[in-house]
């Protein structure tokens, strides 16, 4: 007599809750995830707008697959209202209105076969906003200005200009600033040259990740940048670590503007020429699938900077939805979305970029060093990449299950981010967490049409490198300024 396959533990059961805590423990108190688990997969899983990906001149048109975009914020609520006192609000609205007008106009005798077509419903000529986290202090973030596929194309063919209101920064001054950061962060800070940027974790005494940040060395100080949901806690941790050192902590009101894509250098030059020393810091980004810069601009000149960078040829403001697709294709986990403060550095798959094993002591160093010398696979869980069944994009939070001869078995992981990849013919890709027991197991995810096989891939292989190279080599540009 055949035994029945093991069933998925019901929500709320002791077994389900224990697996949930292991896969992605809930954040606690002020360290709560800035985005939660759901918004990372809003592209592909929302309720309002529709996009169709088809890019010009690739010779590899993506099939027209309908994917909903937006309509809900991280907690499943309606989109947020626009911030009433934001210095860039009227410029954001003006761009969306201009794009709306350009889309409704026709130019006789001009055809663009195979060009990226913008499709948006329910949004009108107003930017679409979501709230980055929970509580009154959670900043509204532009999810999209116009058509997501056009904003995505700007990342690949022109320059995407991103208003990163979710980014916060700390300024650390004084003769002992370098030594203090060296004793607090996992990355080697001593010996950094002026203008150099390094990624680092801040860990607890138990070796768990408290923040994922970037550090830039300036002539007389350091700037530490991370998401606003965690930057204040990092500032407090730095202050608590001070014992009479010559260090001053400042919290400047600077705006983070991201410039990403092949034309980012041109846009950066235009912005710097417009504001001079109003750009406080430039953090260059040199990732495999996204190159450009994060610029910290003083609030009093941010309008001039934004106006200058959005007026160059092939520039287009872009929101989080398009930026998230780029992030997924690059296989870049994000703190607060794909892992949280319960994770050890080795469980994030980012330890090689965030941790130095030749530096001095910092909180949690013994735990991190011990994990480095343990046998491969010693971690209880790990962040991985997923390829989903054709035509499916499971939402963030969807469980990854053991395949029991085609039937769903025990929960072994969870999807944390997902979306349709334009570079892989709109195939569903994602990031998530798997427990140690998932090694070599066949895996399923339950979709609307039933269970489907999930393939675990290295984060760097979510999109084949050859596709990235072909995309970057193509000379066709995307239409940026519509008027």
Protein backbone atom coordinates (compact mmCIF):
# COMPACT_ATOMS: atom_id res chain seq x y z
CA UNK A 1 0.00 0.00 0.00
CA UNK A 2 1.45 3.33 -1.07
CA UNK A 3 1.95 5.92 1.60
CA UNK A 4 0.43 9.33 1.00
CA UNK A 5 2.89 12.12 0.19
CA UNK A 6 3.73 14.46 3.02
CA UNK A 7 1.49 17.48 3.08
CA UNK A 8 2.48 21.11 3.39
CA UNK A 9 2.22 22.06 7.07
CA UNK A 10 -0.83 24.27 7.60
CA UNK A 11 -0.17 27.96 8.31
CA UNK A 12 0.18 28.64 12.00
CA UNK A 13 1.15 25.09 12.91
CA UNK A 14 4.19 24.52 15.12
CA UNK A 15 6.12 22.90 12.27
CA UNK A 16 5.25 25.62 9.77
CA UNK A 17 6.20 28.34 12.24
CA UNK A 18 9.57 26.74 13.02
CA UNK A 19 10.40 26.47 9.32
CA UNK A 20 9.28 30.05 8.78
CA UNK A 21 11.64 31.29 11.48
CA UNK A 22 14.52 29.35 9.95
CA UNK A 23 13.88 30.43 6.38
CA UNK A 24 13.32 34.14 6.94
CA UNK A 25 12.89 35.17 10.58
CA UNK A 26 10.64 38.18 11.12
CA UNK A 27 12.48 41.42 11.82
CA UNK A 28 11.92 42.97 15.22
CA UNK A 29 11.37 46.52 16.45
CA UNK A 30 13.18 49.40 14.77
CA UNK A 31 15.14 46.97 12.62
CA UNK A 32 12.02 45.83 10.80
CA UNK A 33 12.49 45.21 7.09
CA UNK A 34 12.18 48.43 5.15
CA UNK A 35 10.22 46.76 2.39
CA UNK A 36 8.89 43.53 3.79
CA UNK A 37 8.85 40.44 1.61
CA UNK A 38 6.15 41.31 -0.86
CA UNK A 39 7.16 44.49 -2.64
CA UNK A 40 10.29 42.95 -4.14
CA UNK A 41 8.01 40.97 -6.43
CA UNK A 42 5.42 43.63 -7.15
CA UNK A 43 6.57 43.53 -10.76
CA UNK A 44 4.64 40.54 -11.97
CA UNK A 45 2.25 40.24 -9.05
CA UNK A 46 0.34 43.51 -8.59
CA UNK A 47 -3.21 44.48 -9.42
CA UNK A 48 -3.34 47.71 -11.38
CA UNK A 49 -1.08 48.22 -14.38
CA UNK A 50 0.00 46.03 -17.27
CA UNK A 51 3.35 45.93 -19.05
CA UNK A 52 4.42 44.16 -22.21
CA UNK A 53 8.12 43.76 -22.89
CA UNK A 54 9.37 44.03 -26.44
CA UNK A 55 12.64 45.80 -27.13
CA UNK A 56 13.87 47.33 -30.37
CA UNK A 57 16.67 45.91 -32.46
CA UNK A 58 17.62 43.00 -30.25
CA UNK A 59 16.85 40.34 -32.82
CA UNK A 60 15.52 38.51 -29.80
CA UNK A 61 12.12 40.00 -29.09
CA UNK A 62 10.62 38.95 -25.83
CA UNK A 63 7.26 37.34 -26.20
CA UNK A 64 4.35 39.52 -25.19
CA UNK A 65 3.54 38.35 -21.71
CA UNK A 66 1.11 40.24 -19.56
CA UNK A 67 2.42 41.07 -16.12
CA UNK A 68 0.66 43.26 -13.64
CA UNK A 69 2.69 46.02 -12.09
CA UNK A 70 2.01 47.90 -8.91
CA UNK A 71 -1.33 48.64 -7.36
CA UNK A 72 -0.18 47.54 -3.91
CA UNK A 73 2.56 48.59 -1.57
CA UNK A 74 4.65 46.31 0.61
CA UNK A 75 1.75 45.52 2.92
CA UNK A 76 -0.89 44.94 0.26
CA UNK A 77 -2.44 48.38 0.76
CA UNK A 78 -3.33 50.88 -1.92
CA UNK A 79 -0.55 53.01 -3.46
CA UNK A 80 0.68 55.87 -1.30
CA UNK A 81 -0.17 59.48 -1.95
CA UNK A 82 2.66 61.66 -3.20
CA UNK A 83 4.69 63.52 -0.54
CA UNK A 84 3.32 67.06 -0.30
CA UNK A 85 6.57 68.83 0.67
CA UNK A 86 9.07 66.99 -1.51
CA UNK A 87 11.38 69.38 -3.42
CA UNK A 88 11.20 67.20 -6.54
CA UNK A 89 7.46 66.53 -6.49
CA UNK A 90 6.47 69.01 -9.19
CA UNK A 91 9.36 67.85 -11.42
CA UNK A 92 8.25 64.23 -11.04
CA UNK A 93 4.68 65.14 -11.93
CA UNK A 94 5.81 67.22 -14.88
CA UNK A 95 7.75 64.29 -16.30
CA UNK A 96 4.82 61.89 -15.97
CA UNK A 97 2.48 64.41 -17.60
CA UNK A 98 4.92 65.02 -20.45
CA UNK A 99 5.31 61.29 -21.04
CA UNK A 100 1.53 60.86 -21.00
CA UNK A 101 1.11 63.61 -23.60
CA UNK A 102 3.86 62.19 -25.82
CA UNK A 103 2.25 58.76 -25.77
CA UNK A 104 -1.10 60.14 -26.93
CA UNK A 105 0.41 62.07 -29.84
CA UNK A 106 1.01 60.53 -33.26
CA UNK A 107 3.72 61.55 -35.71
CA UNK A 108 2.69 60.93 -39.36
CA UNK A 109 5.12 58.95 -41.46
CA UNK A 110 7.23 57.73 -38.54
CA UNK A 111 7.25 54.07 -37.61
CA UNK A 112 9.32 52.27 -35.03
CA UNK A 113 8.74 48.56 -35.63
CA UNK A 114 9.64 46.44 -32.64
CA UNK A 115 10.21 49.43 -30.40
CA UNK A 116 9.51 49.35 -26.69
CA UNK A 117 5.86 50.20 -26.22
CA UNK A 118 4.60 51.83 -23.06
CA UNK A 119 1.41 50.40 -21.58
CA UNK A 120 -0.01 51.75 -18.39
CA UNK A 121 -3.51 51.59 -17.03
CA UNK A 122 -5.07 53.18 -13.99
CA UNK A 123 -2.13 55.49 -13.35
CA UNK A 124 -2.88 58.54 -15.48
CA UNK A 125 -0.24 61.24 -15.63
CA UNK A 126 0.80 60.95 -11.99
CA UNK A 127 3.84 59.08 -10.64
CA UNK A 128 2.99 55.86 -8.83
CA UNK A 129 4.21 55.87 -5.22
CA UNK A 130 4.76 53.14 -2.65
CA UNK A 131 5.86 53.44 0.95
CA UNK A 132 9.29 52.02 1.79
CA UNK A 133 8.56 50.22 5.02
CA UNK A 134 6.11 50.83 7.83
CA UNK A 135 5.35 53.72 10.15
CA UNK A 136 5.15 57.47 9.73
CA UNK A 137 8.87 57.85 9.02
CA UNK A 138 8.86 55.38 6.13
CA UNK A 139 9.53 57.52 3.01
CA UNK A 140 7.36 57.38 -0.11
CA UNK A 141 9.30 56.03 -3.10
CA UNK A 142 8.43 56.45 -6.77
CA UNK A 143 7.54 53.00 -8.06
CA UNK A 144 7.15 54.15 -11.67
CA UNK A 145 6.85 57.43 -13.54
CA UNK A 146 5.32 56.15 -16.75
CA UNK A 147 5.84 52.78 -18.47
CA UNK A 148 8.01 50.27 -16.65
CA UNK A 149 9.48 48.73 -19.79
CA UNK A 150 10.67 52.12 -21.03
CA UNK A 151 12.25 52.84 -17.67
CA UNK A 152 13.90 49.41 -17.76
CA UNK A 153 15.22 50.13 -21.25
CA UNK A 154 16.86 53.32 -19.96
CA UNK A 155 18.95 51.20 -17.58
CA UNK A 156 20.12 49.10 -20.53
CA UNK A 157 20.41 51.63 -23.38
CA UNK A 158 20.57 55.16 -21.98
CA UNK A 159 20.62 56.43 -18.41
CA UNK A 160 17.99 55.79 -15.77
CA UNK A 161 17.67 58.61 -13.24
CA UNK A 162 16.39 57.26 -9.92
CA UNK A 163 15.19 59.35 -6.98
CA UNK A 164 16.36 57.10 -4.12
CA UNK A 165 14.45 58.61 -1.21
CA UNK A 166 14.88 55.35 0.69
CA UNK A 167 18.62 55.94 1.09
CA UNK A 168 20.02 57.55 4.23
CA UNK A 169 23.54 58.72 5.00
CA UNK A 170 25.75 59.41 8.00
CA UNK A 171 28.74 61.75 8.02
CA UNK A 172 31.59 60.74 10.35
CA UNK A 173 34.24 63.36 11.05
CA UNK A 174 37.26 63.61 13.33
CA UNK A 175 40.80 62.35 13.69
CA UNK A 176 39.66 58.97 15.04
CA UNK A 177 36.87 58.32 12.50
CA UNK A 178 38.88 55.77 10.51
CA UNK A 179 39.92 53.80 13.60
CA UNK A 180 36.36 53.77 14.94
CA UNK A 181 34.88 52.40 11.71
CA UNK A 182 37.69 49.86 11.47
CA UNK A 183 36.65 48.50 14.89
CA UNK A 184 32.93 48.48 14.06
CA UNK A 185 32.53 47.17 10.48
CA UNK A 186 33.35 43.84 8.82
CA UNK A 187 35.20 45.46 5.92
CA UNK A 188 38.73 46.84 6.15
CA UNK A 189 38.42 50.63 6.42
CA UNK A 190 41.99 51.51 7.34
CA UNK A 191 44.06 52.60 4.37
CA UNK A 192 41.13 53.63 2.16
CA UNK A 193 42.11 56.29 -0.36
CA UNK A 194 40.16 59.49 -0.94
CA UNK A 195 37.17 58.74 -3.18
CA UNK A 196 37.37 54.97 -2.61
CA UNK A 197 34.11 53.11 -1.88
CA UNK A 198 33.78 49.79 -0.05
CA UNK A 199 30.76 47.66 0.85
CA UNK A 200 30.49 46.32 4.38
CA UNK A 201 28.22 44.71 6.93
CA UNK A 202 27.69 45.93 10.45
CA UNK A 203 27.23 42.87 12.64
CA UNK A 204 25.99 42.25 16.16
CA UNK A 205 28.10 40.62 18.85
CA UNK A 206 26.52 37.33 17.79
CA UNK A 207 27.83 37.84 14.26
CA UNK A 208 24.44 38.57 12.67
CA UNK A 209 23.93 41.27 10.05
CA UNK A 210 22.65 44.56 11.48
CA UNK A 211 23.10 46.69 8.35
CA UNK A 212 24.38 46.43 4.78
CA UNK A 213 26.12 49.66 3.88
CA UNK A 214 28.55 51.48 1.63
CA UNK A 215 31.45 53.56 2.94
CA UNK A 216 33.13 56.33 0.97
CA UNK A 217 36.37 57.98 2.07
CA UNK A 218 36.56 61.73 1.57
CA UNK A 219 39.44 64.09 2.28
CA UNK A 220 38.41 64.87 5.86
CA UNK A 221 35.59 62.46 6.71
CA UNK A 222 33.70 59.27 5.87
CA UNK A 223 30.17 58.92 4.49
CA UNK A 224 28.19 55.79 5.35
CA UNK A 225 25.14 55.07 3.17
CA UNK A 226 22.38 52.52 3.73
CA UNK A 227 18.58 52.34 3.66
CA UNK A 228 16.82 54.79 5.97
CA UNK A 229 15.22 51.98 7.94
CA UNK A 230 18.66 50.97 9.19
CA UNK A 231 20.90 54.05 8.92
CA UNK A 232 19.61 55.61 12.15
CA UNK A 233 20.35 52.40 14.06
CA UNK A 234 23.85 52.41 12.56
CA UNK A 235 24.38 56.01 13.68
CA UNK A 236 23.32 55.05 17.19
CA UNK A 237 25.63 52.02 17.13
CA UNK A 238 28.57 54.23 16.14
CA UNK A 239 27.79 56.67 18.94
CA UNK A 240 27.51 53.81 21.45
CA UNK A 241 30.94 52.55 20.34
CA UNK A 242 32.64 55.86 21.11
CA UNK A 243 34.78 56.14 24.26
CA UNK A 244 36.25 59.62 24.17
CA UNK A 245 37.49 59.43 20.58
CA UNK A 246 37.80 62.54 18.45
CA UNK A 247 34.74 61.70 16.36
CA UNK A 248 31.63 63.66 15.40
CA UNK A 249 28.51 62.05 13.93
CA UNK A 250 26.32 64.12 11.61
CA UNK A 251 23.08 63.26 9.84
CA UNK A 252 23.04 65.50 6.75
CA UNK A 253 19.87 66.05 4.72
CA UNK A 254 21.26 64.95 1.38
CA UNK A 255 19.29 63.33 -1.43
CA UNK A 256 20.49 60.17 -3.15
CA UNK A 257 20.09 60.31 -6.94
CA UNK A 258 21.03 57.19 -8.88
CA UNK A 259 22.39 57.40 -12.44
CA UNK A 260 22.55 53.96 -14.05
CA UNK A 261 23.23 52.80 -17.59
CA UNK A 262 25.66 53.29 -20.51
CA UNK A 263 25.09 57.08 -20.52
CA UNK A 264 25.57 57.49 -16.76
CA UNK A 265 28.96 59.20 -17.16
CA UNK A 266 27.46 61.83 -19.45
CA UNK A 267 24.58 62.44 -17.06
CA UNK A 268 26.93 62.68 -14.09
CA UNK A 269 29.02 65.32 -15.84
CA UNK A 270 25.90 67.35 -16.64
CA UNK A 271 24.69 67.16 -13.06
CA UNK A 272 28.04 68.13 -11.54
CA UNK A 273 28.37 71.07 -13.93
CA UNK A 274 24.93 72.29 -12.84
CA UNK A 275 25.49 72.21 -9.07
CA UNK A 276 29.26 72.38 -8.57
CA UNK A 277 30.13 71.50 -4.98
CA UNK A 278 26.43 70.89 -4.26
CA UNK A 279 27.12 67.22 -4.99
CA UNK A 280 28.62 66.07 -1.71
CA UNK A 281 29.70 62.57 -2.73
CA UNK A 282 29.74 60.29 -5.77
CA UNK A 283 29.65 56.55 -5.13
CA UNK A 284 30.50 54.72 -8.34
CA UNK A 285 28.59 51.50 -9.04
CA UNK A 286 30.35 48.85 -11.10
CA UNK A 287 28.10 45.81 -10.94
CA UNK A 288 27.93 43.18 -13.71
CA UNK A 289 24.45 44.22 -14.83
CA UNK A 290 24.26 47.83 -13.69
CA UNK A 291 26.95 50.49 -13.96
CA UNK A 292 26.69 54.10 -12.93
CA UNK A 293 26.81 56.21 -9.80
CA UNK A 294 24.91 57.09 -6.65
CA UNK A 295 25.21 60.84 -6.07
CA UNK A 296 24.50 62.48 -2.72
CA UNK A 297 23.17 65.97 -3.45
CA UNK A 298 22.36 68.80 -1.07
CA UNK A 299 18.65 69.51 -0.81
CA UNK A 300 19.07 73.17 -1.80
CA UNK A 301 20.45 72.22 -5.24
CA UNK A 302 18.74 68.87 -5.87
CA UNK A 303 16.21 70.43 -8.27
CA UNK A 304 18.99 71.85 -10.44
CA UNK A 305 20.80 68.51 -10.42
CA UNK A 306 17.66 66.56 -11.33
CA UNK A 307 16.80 68.96 -14.13
CA UNK A 308 20.28 68.75 -15.64
CA UNK A 309 20.57 64.96 -15.64
CA UNK A 310 17.07 64.33 -17.00
CA UNK A 311 17.53 66.69 -19.96
CA UNK A 312 20.41 64.86 -21.63
CA UNK A 313 19.66 62.61 -24.59
CA UNK A 314 18.36 59.13 -23.72
CA UNK A 315 17.80 60.01 -20.06
CA UNK A 316 14.62 58.89 -18.34
CA UNK A 317 13.46 59.01 -14.71
CA UNK A 318 12.89 55.49 -13.44
CA UNK A 319 11.19 54.03 -10.38
CA UNK A 320 11.67 51.09 -8.08
CA UNK A 321 9.77 48.60 -10.27
CA UNK A 322 12.26 48.90 -13.13
CA UNK A 323 15.22 49.14 -10.76
CA UNK A 324 14.08 45.96 -9.05
CA UNK A 325 14.09 44.07 -12.36
CA UNK A 326 17.68 45.20 -12.92
CA UNK A 327 18.57 44.09 -9.40
CA UNK A 328 17.04 40.66 -9.94
CA UNK A 329 18.80 40.12 -13.26
CA UNK A 330 22.07 41.01 -11.54
CA UNK A 331 21.27 38.55 -8.74
CA UNK A 332 21.84 41.12 -5.99
CA UNK A 333 20.19 40.30 -2.64
CA UNK A 334 18.98 43.30 -0.66
CA UNK A 335 19.04 43.65 3.10
CA UNK A 336 15.50 43.93 4.44
CA UNK A 337 14.06 42.08 1.44
CA UNK A 338 16.09 38.92 0.80
CA UNK A 339 17.75 38.62 4.20
CA UNK A 340 17.46 40.38 7.53
CA UNK A 341 19.09 40.89 10.92
CA UNK A 342 18.87 37.20 11.85
CA UNK A 343 21.24 36.15 9.06
CA UNK A 344 24.95 35.48 9.39
CA UNK A 345 27.15 37.03 6.67
CA UNK A 346 27.91 33.61 5.16
CA UNK A 347 24.19 32.91 4.77
CA UNK A 348 23.73 35.98 2.54
CA UNK A 349 26.17 34.82 -0.18
CA UNK A 350 27.74 38.31 -0.03
CA UNK A 351 30.57 37.63 2.38
CA UNK A 352 33.28 37.94 -0.30
CA UNK A 353 32.26 41.56 -0.98
CA UNK A 354 31.47 42.67 2.56
CA UNK A 355 33.95 40.97 4.91
CA UNK A 356 37.72 41.19 5.33
CA UNK A 357 39.41 38.24 7.04
CA UNK A 358 42.75 40.05 7.47
CA UNK A 359 41.62 42.98 9.61
CA UNK A 360 41.37 43.48 13.36
CA UNK A 361 38.50 42.86 15.73
CA UNK A 362 34.90 44.02 15.33
CA UNK A 363 31.64 42.91 17.01
CA UNK A 364 30.87 39.32 16.04
CA UNK A 365 34.23 38.66 14.37
CA UNK A 366 34.80 35.34 16.14
CA UNK A 367 31.51 33.95 14.84
CA UNK A 368 32.16 35.18 11.29
CA UNK A 369 35.72 33.82 11.28
CA UNK A 370 34.57 30.45 12.61
CA UNK A 371 31.98 30.15 9.83
CA UNK A 372 34.69 30.88 7.26
CA UNK A 373 36.71 27.87 8.37
CA UNK A 374 33.85 25.39 8.64
CA UNK A 375 33.18 22.89 5.87
CA UNK A 376 31.08 24.01 2.91
CA UNK A 377 27.38 23.69 3.62
CA UNK A 378 27.69 24.31 7.34
CA UNK A 379 25.26 27.24 7.23
CA UNK A 380 21.66 26.46 8.13
CA UNK A 381 20.33 28.45 5.18
CA UNK A 382 21.54 30.40 2.17
CA UNK A 383 20.35 32.98 -0.33
CA UNK A 384 20.07 31.49 -3.83
CA UNK A 385 18.69 32.25 -7.27
CA UNK A 386 15.59 30.60 -8.78
CA UNK A 387 14.33 29.91 -12.28
CA UNK A 388 10.57 29.42 -12.23
CA UNK A 389 8.30 27.42 -14.56
CA UNK A 390 7.54 29.04 -17.91
CA UNK A 391 4.98 31.82 -17.64
CA UNK A 392 5.00 31.83 -13.83
CA UNK A 393 6.23 34.48 -11.39
CA UNK A 394 5.47 33.31 -7.84
CA UNK A 395 5.01 36.14 -5.33
CA UNK A 396 7.52 36.94 -2.62
CA UNK A 397 6.66 34.80 0.37
CA UNK A 398 5.73 31.76 -1.73
CA UNK A 399 7.08 28.57 -0.10
CA UNK A 400 9.61 26.34 -1.86
CA UNK A 401 8.65 22.70 -1.28
CA UNK A 402 10.27 19.31 -1.63
CA UNK A 403 9.09 17.46 -4.74
CA UNK A 404 7.51 14.22 -3.53
CA UNK A 405 7.01 12.50 -6.89
CA UNK A 406 5.20 15.50 -8.31
CA UNK A 407 3.33 16.37 -5.13
CA UNK A 408 4.34 19.15 -2.72
CA UNK A 409 6.19 17.94 0.36
CA UNK A 410 7.84 19.72 3.26
CA UNK A 411 8.75 23.40 3.11
CA UNK A 412 12.45 23.90 2.40
CA UNK A 413 12.61 27.57 1.52
CA UNK A 414 10.87 30.72 0.44
CA UNK A 415 10.80 33.17 -2.46
CA UNK A 416 11.92 36.63 -1.31
CA UNK A 417 12.07 38.52 -4.64
CA UNK A 418 10.70 37.68 -8.07
CA UNK A 419 9.92 39.21 -11.43
CA UNK A 420 9.79 38.62 -15.20
CA UNK A 421 13.24 39.02 -16.78
CA UNK A 422 13.16 41.02 -20.05
CA UNK A 423 16.62 39.67 -20.87
CA UNK A 424 15.39 36.08 -20.63
CA UNK A 425 12.20 36.38 -22.69
CA UNK A 426 10.17 37.41 -19.63
CA UNK A 427 10.99 34.19 -17.84
CA UNK A 428 10.27 34.31 -14.13
CA UNK A 429 13.41 34.64 -12.03
CA UNK A 430 13.88 35.31 -8.37
CA UNK A 431 15.90 35.22 -5.21
CA UNK A 432 15.07 33.32 -2.08
CA UNK A 433 16.26 31.35 0.90
CA UNK A 434 16.79 27.59 1.15
CA UNK A 435 17.56 25.58 4.26
CA UNK A 436 20.45 23.13 4.41
CA UNK A 437 18.13 20.13 3.92
CA UNK A 438 17.27 21.39 0.41
CA UNK A 439 20.69 20.47 -0.96
CA UNK A 440 20.32 18.11 -3.96
CA UNK A 441 16.53 17.94 -3.45
CA UNK A 442 14.01 18.37 -6.27
CA UNK A 443 11.96 21.47 -5.54
CA UNK A 444 8.48 22.76 -6.32
CA UNK A 445 6.62 26.03 -6.01
CA UNK A 446 2.82 26.09 -6.00
CA UNK A 447 1.36 28.39 -8.68
CA UNK A 448 -2.18 29.19 -9.72
CA UNK A 449 -2.10 26.21 -12.09
CA UNK A 450 -0.67 23.85 -9.49
CA UNK A 451 2.87 22.87 -8.47
CA UNK A 452 5.74 23.60 -10.83
CA UNK A 453 9.40 22.62 -10.79
CA UNK A 454 11.88 25.21 -9.51
CA UNK A 455 15.51 25.25 -10.60
CA UNK A 456 18.15 26.54 -8.19
CA UNK A 457 20.87 28.56 -9.93
CA UNK A 458 23.81 30.66 -8.84
CA UNK A 459 22.89 34.31 -8.44
CA UNK A 460 25.29 35.22 -11.24
CA UNK A 461 23.46 32.85 -13.60
CA UNK A 462 19.90 34.15 -13.26
CA UNK A 463 20.47 35.72 -16.66
CA UNK A 464 23.13 34.05 -18.85
CA UNK A 465 26.22 36.30 -19.10
CA UNK A 466 26.14 36.07 -22.91
CA UNK A 467 22.78 37.87 -22.92
CA UNK A 468 24.20 40.70 -20.82
CA UNK A 469 27.14 41.05 -23.20
CA UNK A 470 24.88 41.11 -26.26
CA UNK A 471 22.61 43.67 -24.60
CA UNK A 472 25.50 45.99 -23.72
CA UNK A 473 27.04 45.71 -27.19
CA UNK A 474 23.91 46.70 -29.10
CA UNK A 475 23.93 50.28 -30.27
CA UNK A 476 20.22 50.97 -30.51
CA UNK A 477 19.11 53.63 -28.06
CA UNK A 478 15.88 53.99 -26.17
CA UNK A 479 13.74 57.05 -26.58
CA UNK A 480 14.33 59.06 -23.42
CA UNK A 481 13.02 62.62 -23.53
CA UNK A 482 9.62 62.37 -25.16
CA UNK A 483 9.10 66.01 -25.88
